[in-house]
Amino acid sequence: KLVMTSLTFLSLPLMSPCHLPVKTIFILTVKVLITYFPCCNLMMFHFCLSAKRLAFSASFLALTPGNFGPFNTHTTLVFRHVVTNVGNAYNPHTGLFTAPVRGAYHFEFYIYGHGSSNPTSAVLVKNREQIFTAWTTQPEGGQKTSNGVTLLLNVGDVVFLRMWANSRIHDNPDRHNTFSGHLLFTM
């Protein structure tokens, strides 16, 4: 007979060898497969420790050097060149990261452009809410802007980058424009 169950172990504050209190609390949830053999009254325990691992890093990927934009409307930036996509939560066809577990996530983005009367900018969006913006403008020369944030996401929350209307970015095979994120811990 097979039984699958989850156990939660709680480590309470302990005394150290020098009798000073240790102020740590550790909660560990494991999945346990229990196999019972009634003929010999034997139980076997199979423990499965697992933590959700999520991380992605992608670049805009311009095959030839050039500008993207300006457009007269906000435009979702799709970072197609995926370097890492552990957990497959980032979609390189839509540019959307969809949280598969509730937890704290950290995101960073770097945006590059050439000097112009149009700014180089992007905004990080969580679902429909604009969270943080990176924006720069100068009449000539290269320009780079960046930002980062840690967000509490629920299952199904979507995070992506949007380029502001009337702005533009520049890219080339050196891959200056990047978007990355990873799960810090589950909640």
N, C-alpha and C. Protein backbone atom coordinates (compact mmCIF):
# COMPACT_ATOMS: atom_id res chain seq x y z
N LYS A 1 0.85 -1.17 0.00
CA LYS A 1 0.00 0.00 0.00
C LYS A 1 0.89 1.24 0.00
N LEU A 2 0.59 2.22 -0.88
CA LEU A 2 1.36 3.45 -0.98
C LEU A 2 0.54 4.60 -0.44
N VAL A 3 1.17 5.45 0.31
CA VAL A 3 0.52 6.64 0.86
C VAL A 3 1.46 7.82 0.64
N MET A 4 0.93 8.92 0.07
CA MET A 4 1.72 10.14 -0.09
C MET A 4 1.19 11.16 0.89
N THR A 5 2.07 11.78 1.64
CA THR A 5 1.67 12.79 2.61
C THR A 5 2.74 13.86 2.67
N SER A 6 2.42 14.98 3.28
CA SER A 6 3.39 16.05 3.50
C SER A 6 3.57 16.24 4.99
N LEU A 7 4.79 16.40 5.40
CA LEU A 7 5.11 16.64 6.80
C LEU A 7 5.78 17.99 6.91
N THR A 8 5.53 18.67 7.99
CA THR A 8 6.21 19.94 8.24
C THR A 8 7.01 19.80 9.52
N PHE A 9 8.29 20.06 9.43
CA PHE A 9 9.17 20.01 10.57
C PHE A 9 9.44 21.43 11.01
N LEU A 10 9.39 21.68 12.28
CA LEU A 10 9.64 23.01 12.82
C LEU A 10 10.79 22.92 13.80
N SER A 11 11.82 23.65 13.53
CA SER A 11 12.96 23.71 14.44
C SER A 11 12.80 24.95 15.30
N LEU A 12 12.65 24.77 16.57
CA LEU A 12 12.46 25.88 17.51
C LEU A 12 13.80 26.38 18.00
N PRO A 13 13.82 27.54 18.62
CA PRO A 13 15.10 28.04 19.14
C PRO A 13 15.75 27.03 20.08
N LEU A 14 17.00 26.81 19.87
CA LEU A 14 17.77 25.83 20.63
C LEU A 14 18.84 26.53 21.44
N MET A 15 19.44 25.78 22.32
CA MET A 15 20.58 26.29 23.07
C MET A 15 21.85 25.88 22.33
N SER A 16 22.77 26.80 22.22
CA SER A 16 24.04 26.48 21.58
C SER A 16 24.90 25.70 22.57
N PRO A 17 26.01 25.14 22.11
CA PRO A 17 26.88 24.40 23.03
C PRO A 17 27.36 25.24 24.21
N CYS A 18 27.43 26.55 24.05
CA CYS A 18 27.86 27.40 25.16
C CYS A 18 26.66 27.93 25.95
N HIS A 19 25.49 27.31 25.76
CA HIS A 19 24.26 27.61 26.48
C HIS A 19 23.69 29.00 26.21
N LEU A 20 24.00 29.56 25.04
CA LEU A 20 23.37 30.81 24.63
C LEU A 20 22.24 30.47 23.67
N PRO A 21 21.13 31.19 23.73
CA PRO A 21 20.02 30.86 22.84
C PRO A 21 20.37 31.13 21.38
N VAL A 22 19.92 30.27 20.51
CA VAL A 22 20.07 30.43 19.07
C VAL A 22 18.72 30.91 18.56
N LYS A 23 18.68 32.06 17.91
CA LYS A 23 17.42 32.66 17.50
C LYS A 23 17.11 32.35 16.05
N THR A 24 16.91 31.10 15.75
CA THR A 24 16.52 30.74 14.39
C THR A 24 15.31 29.83 14.45
N ILE A 25 14.44 30.06 13.52
CA ILE A 25 13.30 29.17 13.34
C ILE A 25 13.34 28.72 11.89
N PHE A 26 13.28 27.44 11.68
CA PHE A 26 13.37 26.89 10.34
C PHE A 26 12.19 25.99 10.10
N ILE A 27 11.46 26.24 9.03
CA ILE A 27 10.32 25.39 8.68
C ILE A 27 10.66 24.69 7.38
N LEU A 28 10.51 23.40 7.37
CA LEU A 28 10.82 22.59 6.21
C LEU A 28 9.64 21.69 5.91
N THR A 29 9.12 21.79 4.72
CA THR A 29 8.04 20.91 4.31
C THR A 29 8.60 19.92 3.29
N VAL A 30 8.36 18.67 3.54
CA VAL A 30 8.85 17.62 2.64
C VAL A 30 7.68 16.74 2.25
N LYS A 31 7.79 16.15 1.07
CA LYS A 31 6.82 15.15 0.66
C LYS A 31 7.39 13.79 1.02
N VAL A 32 6.53 12.94 1.55
CA VAL A 32 6.96 11.63 2.00
C VAL A 32 6.11 10.57 1.30
N LEU A 33 6.77 9.63 0.69
CA LEU A 33 6.08 8.47 0.13
C LEU A 33 6.30 7.33 1.11
N ILE A 34 5.22 6.81 1.64
CA ILE A 34 5.30 5.73 2.61
C ILE A 34 4.81 4.45 1.95
N THR A 35 5.66 3.44 1.95
CA THR A 35 5.29 2.12 1.43
C THR A 35 5.17 1.17 2.61
N TYR A 36 4.00 0.53 2.73
CA TYR A 36 3.75 -0.37 3.85
C TYR A 36 3.64 -1.80 3.31
N PHE A 37 4.38 -2.70 3.93
CA PHE A 37 4.35 -4.12 3.59
C PHE A 37 3.69 -4.86 4.74
N PRO A 38 2.35 -5.18 4.64
CA PRO A 38 1.64 -5.80 5.76
C PRO A 38 2.15 -7.20 6.10
N CYS A 39 2.69 -7.91 5.12
CA CYS A 39 3.14 -9.28 5.38
C CYS A 39 4.25 -9.33 6.44
N CYS A 40 5.08 -8.33 6.46
CA CYS A 40 6.18 -8.32 7.43
C CYS A 40 6.13 -7.10 8.34
N ASN A 41 5.03 -6.36 8.32
CA ASN A 41 4.84 -5.20 9.17
C ASN A 41 6.02 -4.22 9.04
N LEU A 42 6.37 -3.90 7.79
CA LEU A 42 7.50 -3.04 7.48
C LEU A 42 7.02 -1.80 6.74
N MET A 43 7.56 -0.66 7.11
CA MET A 43 7.26 0.59 6.42
C MET A 43 8.55 1.18 5.86
N MET A 44 8.49 1.63 4.61
CA MET A 44 9.63 2.32 4.00
C MET A 44 9.22 3.77 3.77
N PHE A 45 10.11 4.71 4.10
CA PHE A 45 9.86 6.13 3.93
C PHE A 45 10.78 6.67 2.85
N HIS A 46 10.19 7.34 1.86
CA HIS A 46 10.96 7.98 0.78
C HIS A 46 10.70 9.48 0.89
N PHE A 47 11.72 10.25 1.20
CA PHE A 47 11.56 11.69 1.39
C PHE A 47 11.95 12.43 0.11
N CYS A 48 11.17 13.42 -0.21
CA CYS A 48 11.43 14.24 -1.40
C CYS A 48 11.48 15.70 -0.99
N LEU A 49 12.66 16.24 -0.92
CA LEU A 49 12.84 17.67 -0.65
C LEU A 49 12.82 18.41 -1.97
N SER A 50 12.02 19.46 -2.05
CA SER A 50 12.04 20.24 -3.29
C SER A 50 11.72 21.69 -3.00
N ALA A 51 12.43 22.54 -3.66
CA ALA A 51 12.16 23.97 -3.60
C ALA A 51 11.95 24.43 -5.03
N LYS A 52 10.98 25.29 -5.24
CA LYS A 52 10.73 25.79 -6.59
C LYS A 52 11.90 26.68 -6.98
N ARG A 53 12.47 26.40 -8.11
CA ARG A 53 13.60 27.18 -8.60
C ARG A 53 13.17 27.90 -9.86
N LEU A 54 13.29 29.22 -9.85
CA LEU A 54 12.87 30.04 -10.98
C LEU A 54 13.88 31.15 -11.21
N ALA A 55 14.35 31.25 -12.43
CA ALA A 55 15.26 32.33 -12.80
C ALA A 55 15.25 32.45 -14.32
N PHE A 56 15.29 33.68 -14.80
CA PHE A 56 15.40 33.88 -16.24
C PHE A 56 16.27 35.10 -16.52
N SER A 57 16.86 35.10 -17.67
CA SER A 57 17.62 36.24 -18.16
C SER A 57 17.54 36.20 -19.68
N ALA A 58 17.16 37.33 -20.27
CA ALA A 58 16.98 37.38 -21.72
C ALA A 58 17.41 38.74 -22.25
N SER A 59 17.80 38.75 -23.53
CA SER A 59 18.15 40.01 -24.17
C SER A 59 17.21 40.26 -25.33
N PHE A 60 17.17 41.52 -25.76
CA PHE A 60 16.25 41.94 -26.80
C PHE A 60 16.56 41.27 -28.13
N LEU A 61 17.83 41.09 -28.42
CA LEU A 61 18.32 40.40 -29.62
C LEU A 61 17.96 41.10 -30.92
N ALA A 62 18.77 42.02 -31.28
CA ALA A 62 18.66 42.59 -32.62
C ALA A 62 19.65 41.84 -33.51
N LEU A 63 19.17 41.31 -34.59
CA LEU A 63 20.06 40.58 -35.48
C LEU A 63 20.97 41.53 -36.24
N THR A 64 20.47 42.70 -36.53
CA THR A 64 21.28 43.74 -37.15
C THR A 64 21.13 45.00 -36.31
N PRO A 65 22.17 45.82 -36.26
CA PRO A 65 22.08 47.03 -35.45
C PRO A 65 20.93 47.92 -35.94
N GLY A 66 20.23 48.51 -34.97
CA GLY A 66 19.16 49.41 -35.36
C GLY A 66 18.31 49.85 -34.19
N ASN A 67 17.40 50.78 -34.51
CA ASN A 67 16.50 51.32 -33.51
C ASN A 67 15.17 50.56 -33.52
N PHE A 68 14.56 50.47 -32.36
CA PHE A 68 13.22 49.92 -32.20
C PHE A 68 12.38 51.07 -31.67
N GLY A 69 11.43 51.53 -32.46
CA GLY A 69 10.63 52.70 -32.10
C GLY A 69 11.20 53.92 -32.79
N PRO A 70 10.63 55.07 -32.57
CA PRO A 70 9.51 55.33 -31.67
C PRO A 70 8.16 54.91 -32.27
N PHE A 71 7.23 54.58 -31.38
CA PHE A 71 5.86 54.25 -31.74
C PHE A 71 4.93 55.23 -31.03
N ASN A 72 3.74 55.43 -31.56
CA ASN A 72 2.84 56.41 -30.95
C ASN A 72 2.01 55.82 -29.81
N THR A 73 2.32 54.60 -29.40
CA THR A 73 1.63 53.95 -28.28
C THR A 73 2.65 53.18 -27.45
N HIS A 74 2.29 52.86 -26.22
CA HIS A 74 3.16 52.01 -25.39
C HIS A 74 3.30 50.65 -26.07
N THR A 75 4.49 50.07 -26.01
CA THR A 75 4.77 48.82 -26.71
C THR A 75 5.45 47.84 -25.77
N THR A 76 4.92 46.63 -25.67
CA THR A 76 5.54 45.59 -24.86
C THR A 76 6.87 45.18 -25.49
N LEU A 77 7.91 45.14 -24.67
CA LEU A 77 9.23 44.70 -25.14
C LEU A 77 9.33 43.19 -24.98
N VAL A 78 9.68 42.52 -26.06
CA VAL A 78 9.81 41.06 -26.05
C VAL A 78 11.29 40.73 -26.17
N PHE A 79 11.83 40.14 -25.12
CA PHE A 79 13.24 39.76 -25.07
C PHE A 79 13.35 38.32 -25.54
N ARG A 80 13.75 38.14 -26.79
CA ARG A 80 13.68 36.82 -27.44
C ARG A 80 14.90 35.93 -27.21
N HIS A 81 16.05 36.53 -26.96
CA HIS A 81 17.26 35.71 -26.77
C HIS A 81 17.36 35.31 -25.30
N VAL A 82 16.93 34.10 -25.01
CA VAL A 82 16.91 33.61 -23.63
C VAL A 82 18.25 32.96 -23.30
N VAL A 83 18.87 33.45 -22.26
CA VAL A 83 20.14 32.89 -21.78
C VAL A 83 19.84 31.82 -20.73
N THR A 84 18.91 32.13 -19.83
CA THR A 84 18.50 31.22 -18.76
C THR A 84 16.99 31.32 -18.59
N ASN A 85 16.33 30.17 -18.42
CA ASN A 85 14.90 30.17 -18.16
C ASN A 85 14.56 28.96 -17.29
N VAL A 86 15.12 28.92 -16.10
CA VAL A 86 14.89 27.82 -15.17
C VAL A 86 13.44 27.91 -14.67
N GLY A 87 12.67 26.90 -14.88
CA GLY A 87 11.26 26.90 -14.49
C GLY A 87 10.33 27.33 -15.60
N ASN A 88 10.87 27.84 -16.71
CA ASN A 88 10.10 28.25 -17.89
C ASN A 88 8.95 29.20 -17.57
N ALA A 89 9.14 30.11 -16.65
CA ALA A 89 8.09 31.08 -16.31
C ALA A 89 8.12 32.31 -17.23
N TYR A 90 9.25 32.52 -17.94
CA TYR A 90 9.34 33.63 -18.90
C TYR A 90 9.01 33.11 -20.28
N ASN A 91 8.15 33.84 -21.01
CA ASN A 91 7.77 33.45 -22.36
C ASN A 91 8.48 34.36 -23.37
N PRO A 92 9.44 33.83 -24.14
CA PRO A 92 10.19 34.66 -25.08
C PRO A 92 9.39 35.06 -26.32
N HIS A 93 8.18 34.56 -26.48
CA HIS A 93 7.33 34.93 -27.62
C HIS A 93 6.42 36.11 -27.28
N THR A 94 6.10 36.28 -26.00
CA THR A 94 5.22 37.37 -25.57
C THR A 94 5.92 38.41 -24.72
N GLY A 95 7.07 38.05 -24.11
CA GLY A 95 7.78 38.96 -23.21
C GLY A 95 7.22 38.95 -21.80
N LEU A 96 6.31 38.03 -21.50
CA LEU A 96 5.64 37.99 -20.20
C LEU A 96 6.27 36.97 -19.27
N PHE A 97 6.48 37.38 -18.02
CA PHE A 97 6.86 36.45 -16.95
C PHE A 97 5.59 36.20 -16.14
N THR A 98 5.22 34.93 -15.96
CA THR A 98 4.03 34.57 -15.20
C THR A 98 4.45 33.78 -13.98
N ALA A 99 4.10 34.29 -12.80
CA ALA A 99 4.53 33.66 -11.55
C ALA A 99 3.80 32.33 -11.35
N PRO A 100 4.55 31.22 -11.24
CA PRO A 100 3.92 29.92 -11.01
C PRO A 100 3.68 29.62 -9.53
N VAL A 101 4.35 30.37 -8.63
CA VAL A 101 4.17 30.18 -7.19
C VAL A 101 4.11 31.55 -6.52
N ARG A 102 3.47 31.60 -5.37
CA ARG A 102 3.42 32.85 -4.59
C ARG A 102 4.78 33.03 -3.92
N GLY A 103 5.34 34.23 -4.04
CA GLY A 103 6.63 34.46 -3.42
C GLY A 103 7.16 35.84 -3.71
N ALA A 104 8.36 36.09 -3.21
CA ALA A 104 9.07 37.35 -3.46
C ALA A 104 10.02 37.12 -4.64
N TYR A 105 9.93 37.99 -5.63
CA TYR A 105 10.73 37.89 -6.86
C TYR A 105 11.52 39.18 -7.03
N HIS A 106 12.71 39.07 -7.60
CA HIS A 106 13.51 40.25 -7.92
C HIS A 106 13.67 40.34 -9.44
N PHE A 107 13.47 41.55 -9.98
CA PHE A 107 13.60 41.81 -11.41
C PHE A 107 14.56 42.96 -11.63
N GLU A 108 15.31 42.89 -12.74
CA GLU A 108 16.22 43.95 -13.17
C GLU A 108 16.08 44.12 -14.67
N PHE A 109 16.23 45.36 -15.13
CA PHE A 109 16.23 45.59 -16.57
C PHE A 109 17.19 46.71 -16.94
N TYR A 110 17.80 46.55 -18.10
CA TYR A 110 18.78 47.50 -18.63
C TYR A 110 18.35 47.85 -20.05
N ILE A 111 18.26 49.14 -20.32
CA ILE A 111 17.77 49.62 -21.61
C ILE A 111 18.82 50.55 -22.21
N TYR A 112 19.09 50.40 -23.51
CA TYR A 112 20.14 51.16 -24.19
C TYR A 112 19.55 51.91 -25.38
N GLY A 113 20.08 53.08 -25.65
CA GLY A 113 19.66 53.83 -26.82
C GLY A 113 20.76 54.76 -27.29
N HIS A 114 20.60 55.24 -28.54
CA HIS A 114 21.50 56.25 -29.08
C HIS A 114 20.85 57.60 -28.89
N GLY A 115 21.66 58.64 -28.81
CA GLY A 115 21.16 59.99 -28.63
C GLY A 115 20.12 60.36 -29.68
N SER A 116 19.10 61.05 -29.21
CA SER A 116 18.00 61.42 -30.09
C SER A 116 17.11 62.40 -29.34
N SER A 117 16.18 63.01 -30.04
CA SER A 117 15.18 63.82 -29.36
C SER A 117 14.14 62.93 -28.68
N ASN A 118 14.12 61.64 -29.04
CA ASN A 118 13.23 60.67 -28.39
C ASN A 118 13.96 60.04 -27.21
N PRO A 119 13.30 59.90 -26.06
CA PRO A 119 13.96 59.29 -24.90
C PRO A 119 14.15 57.78 -25.09
N THR A 120 15.02 57.23 -24.29
CA THR A 120 15.19 55.79 -24.16
C THR A 120 14.55 55.44 -22.83
N SER A 121 13.51 54.60 -22.86
CA SER A 121 12.80 54.34 -21.61
C SER A 121 12.04 53.03 -21.64
N ALA A 122 11.75 52.55 -20.45
CA ALA A 122 10.91 51.37 -20.28
C ALA A 122 10.31 51.43 -18.88
N VAL A 123 9.19 50.77 -18.72
CA VAL A 123 8.53 50.69 -17.41
C VAL A 123 8.26 49.22 -17.12
N LEU A 124 8.53 48.81 -15.88
CA LEU A 124 8.22 47.45 -15.45
C LEU A 124 6.76 47.45 -14.98
N VAL A 125 5.98 46.52 -15.51
CA VAL A 125 4.55 46.44 -15.23
C VAL A 125 4.25 45.13 -14.53
N LYS A 126 3.46 45.21 -13.46
CA LYS A 126 2.94 44.02 -12.77
C LYS A 126 1.44 44.00 -13.03
N ASN A 127 0.97 42.99 -13.73
CA ASN A 127 -0.41 42.93 -14.18
C ASN A 127 -0.69 44.22 -14.97
N ARG A 128 -1.49 45.13 -14.51
CA ARG A 128 -1.73 46.39 -15.23
C ARG A 128 -1.12 47.60 -14.53
N GLU A 129 -0.39 47.35 -13.44
CA GLU A 129 0.15 48.44 -12.62
C GLU A 129 1.59 48.75 -13.02
N GLN A 130 1.86 50.03 -13.31
CA GLN A 130 3.22 50.45 -13.59
C GLN A 130 3.97 50.52 -12.27
N ILE A 131 5.10 49.80 -12.19
CA ILE A 131 5.84 49.71 -10.93
C ILE A 131 7.01 50.69 -10.91
N PHE A 132 8.02 50.46 -11.76
CA PHE A 132 9.21 51.31 -11.80
C PHE A 132 9.55 51.64 -13.25
N THR A 133 10.10 52.82 -13.43
CA THR A 133 10.47 53.30 -14.76
C THR A 133 11.98 53.52 -14.83
N ALA A 134 12.53 53.30 -16.00
CA ALA A 134 13.90 53.69 -16.32
C ALA A 134 13.81 54.60 -17.54
N TRP A 135 14.39 55.79 -17.45
CA TRP A 135 14.21 56.79 -18.50
C TRP A 135 15.45 57.65 -18.61
N THR A 136 15.88 57.92 -19.83
CA THR A 136 17.00 58.83 -20.06
C THR A 136 16.86 59.45 -21.44
N THR A 137 17.45 60.61 -21.60
CA THR A 137 17.48 61.25 -22.91
C THR A 137 18.70 62.15 -23.00
N GLN A 138 19.29 62.17 -24.18
CA GLN A 138 20.39 63.09 -24.49
C GLN A 138 20.45 63.21 -26.00
N PRO A 139 20.92 64.32 -26.52
CA PRO A 139 20.85 64.54 -27.96
C PRO A 139 21.79 63.67 -28.80
N GLU A 140 22.89 63.20 -28.21
CA GLU A 140 23.81 62.35 -28.99
C GLU A 140 24.58 61.41 -28.09
N GLY A 141 25.18 60.40 -28.71
CA GLY A 141 25.96 59.42 -27.97
C GLY A 141 25.09 58.31 -27.38
N GLY A 142 25.76 57.28 -26.89
CA GLY A 142 25.04 56.16 -26.28
C GLY A 142 24.48 56.54 -24.91
N GLN A 143 23.38 55.94 -24.56
CA GLN A 143 22.78 56.19 -23.25
C GLN A 143 22.17 54.90 -22.73
N LYS A 144 22.30 54.71 -21.43
CA LYS A 144 21.79 53.48 -20.82
C LYS A 144 21.06 53.85 -19.55
N THR A 145 19.96 53.14 -19.29
CA THR A 145 19.19 53.36 -18.08
C THR A 145 18.78 52.00 -17.54
N SER A 146 18.57 51.93 -16.23
CA SER A 146 18.24 50.63 -15.63
C SER A 146 17.42 50.84 -14.37
N ASN A 147 16.85 49.76 -13.88
CA ASN A 147 16.12 49.78 -12.63
C ASN A 147 15.92 48.34 -12.16
N GLY A 148 15.49 48.20 -10.93
CA GLY A 148 15.24 46.88 -10.37
C GLY A 148 14.24 46.98 -9.24
N VAL A 149 13.61 45.87 -8.92
CA VAL A 149 12.58 45.87 -7.89
C VAL A 149 12.39 44.46 -7.35
N THR A 150 11.99 44.36 -6.09
CA THR A 150 11.55 43.10 -5.50
C THR A 150 10.05 43.21 -5.29
N LEU A 151 9.31 42.23 -5.82
CA LEU A 151 7.85 42.24 -5.77
C LEU A 151 7.32 40.98 -5.12
N LEU A 152 6.23 41.12 -4.39
CA LEU A 152 5.48 39.97 -3.90
C LEU A 152 4.47 39.63 -4.98
N LEU A 153 4.58 38.42 -5.54
CA LEU A 153 3.68 38.00 -6.61
C LEU A 153 2.84 36.82 -6.15
N ASN A 154 1.60 36.79 -6.60
CA ASN A 154 0.72 35.65 -6.41
C ASN A 154 0.76 34.78 -7.65
N VAL A 155 0.31 33.55 -7.53
CA VAL A 155 0.25 32.64 -8.68
C VAL A 155 -0.55 33.31 -9.79
N GLY A 156 0.02 33.35 -10.99
CA GLY A 156 -0.67 33.93 -12.15
C GLY A 156 -0.39 35.40 -12.38
N ASP A 157 0.27 36.10 -11.44
CA ASP A 157 0.63 37.49 -11.68
C ASP A 157 1.61 37.56 -12.85
N VAL A 158 1.49 38.62 -13.65
CA VAL A 158 2.29 38.78 -14.86
C VAL A 158 3.17 40.03 -14.73
N VAL A 159 4.44 39.88 -15.08
CA VAL A 159 5.39 40.99 -15.06
C VAL A 159 6.02 41.08 -16.45
N PHE A 160 6.12 42.32 -16.96
CA PHE A 160 6.73 42.53 -18.27
C PHE A 160 7.24 43.96 -18.35
N LEU A 161 7.99 44.23 -19.43
CA LEU A 161 8.50 45.58 -19.69
C LEU A 161 7.75 46.19 -20.86
N ARG A 162 7.45 47.46 -20.71
CA ARG A 162 6.75 48.20 -21.74
C ARG A 162 7.58 49.44 -22.08
N MET A 163 7.75 49.68 -23.37
CA MET A 163 8.44 50.89 -23.81
C MET A 163 7.41 52.01 -23.88
N TRP A 164 7.77 53.18 -23.35
CA TRP A 164 6.87 54.32 -23.39
C TRP A 164 6.59 54.74 -24.82
N ALA A 165 5.42 55.30 -25.05
CA ALA A 165 5.10 55.87 -26.36
C ALA A 165 6.11 56.94 -26.71
N ASN A 166 6.46 57.04 -27.99
CA ASN A 166 7.38 58.05 -28.52
C ASN A 166 8.80 57.93 -27.98
N SER A 167 9.16 56.78 -27.46
CA SER A 167 10.55 56.54 -27.07
C SER A 167 11.10 55.44 -27.96
N ARG A 168 12.38 55.17 -27.82
CA ARG A 168 13.00 54.15 -28.66
C ARG A 168 14.18 53.54 -27.93
N ILE A 169 14.57 52.36 -28.37
CA ILE A 169 15.78 51.72 -27.88
C ILE A 169 16.63 51.35 -29.09
N HIS A 170 17.87 51.13 -28.84
CA HIS A 170 18.80 50.71 -29.89
C HIS A 170 19.40 49.37 -29.46
N ASP A 171 19.52 48.47 -30.40
CA ASP A 171 20.16 47.20 -30.06
C ASP A 171 21.01 46.73 -31.22
N ASN A 172 21.88 45.79 -30.92
CA ASN A 172 22.76 45.18 -31.91
C ASN A 172 23.17 43.82 -31.37
N PRO A 173 23.98 43.07 -32.08
CA PRO A 173 24.37 41.74 -31.60
C PRO A 173 25.11 41.72 -30.25
N ASP A 174 25.52 42.88 -29.73
CA ASP A 174 26.14 42.93 -28.41
C ASP A 174 25.13 42.79 -27.28
N ARG A 175 23.85 42.87 -27.60
CA ARG A 175 22.75 42.62 -26.65
C ARG A 175 22.81 43.54 -25.43
N HIS A 176 22.62 44.82 -25.65
CA HIS A 176 22.65 45.81 -24.57
C HIS A 176 21.39 45.80 -23.72
N ASN A 177 20.26 45.42 -24.28
CA ASN A 177 18.96 45.49 -23.60
C ASN A 177 18.63 44.14 -22.99
N THR A 178 18.50 44.10 -21.66
CA THR A 178 18.28 42.82 -20.98
C THR A 178 17.18 42.94 -19.93
N PHE A 179 16.57 41.81 -19.65
CA PHE A 179 15.50 41.69 -18.65
C PHE A 179 15.76 40.38 -17.91
N SER A 180 15.82 40.45 -16.58
CA SER A 180 16.13 39.27 -15.76
C SER A 180 15.26 39.26 -14.52
N GLY A 181 15.03 38.07 -13.99
CA GLY A 181 14.30 37.95 -12.75
C GLY A 181 14.51 36.59 -12.12
N HIS A 182 14.27 36.52 -10.81
CA HIS A 182 14.39 35.23 -10.13
C HIS A 182 13.54 35.24 -8.86
N LEU A 183 13.16 34.06 -8.45
CA LEU A 183 12.42 33.86 -7.20
C LEU A 183 13.40 33.94 -6.05
N LEU A 184 13.12 34.81 -5.08
CA LEU A 184 13.94 34.87 -3.88
C LEU A 184 13.52 33.80 -2.89
N PHE A 185 12.21 33.72 -2.61
CA PHE A 185 11.67 32.70 -1.72
C PHE A 185 10.17 32.62 -1.90
N THR A 186 9.61 31.46 -1.60
CA THR A 186 8.16 31.27 -1.68
C THR A 186 7.51 31.77 -0.40
N MET A 187 6.22 32.03 -0.49
CA MET A 187 5.46 32.53 0.67
C MET A 187 4.30 31.57 0.95
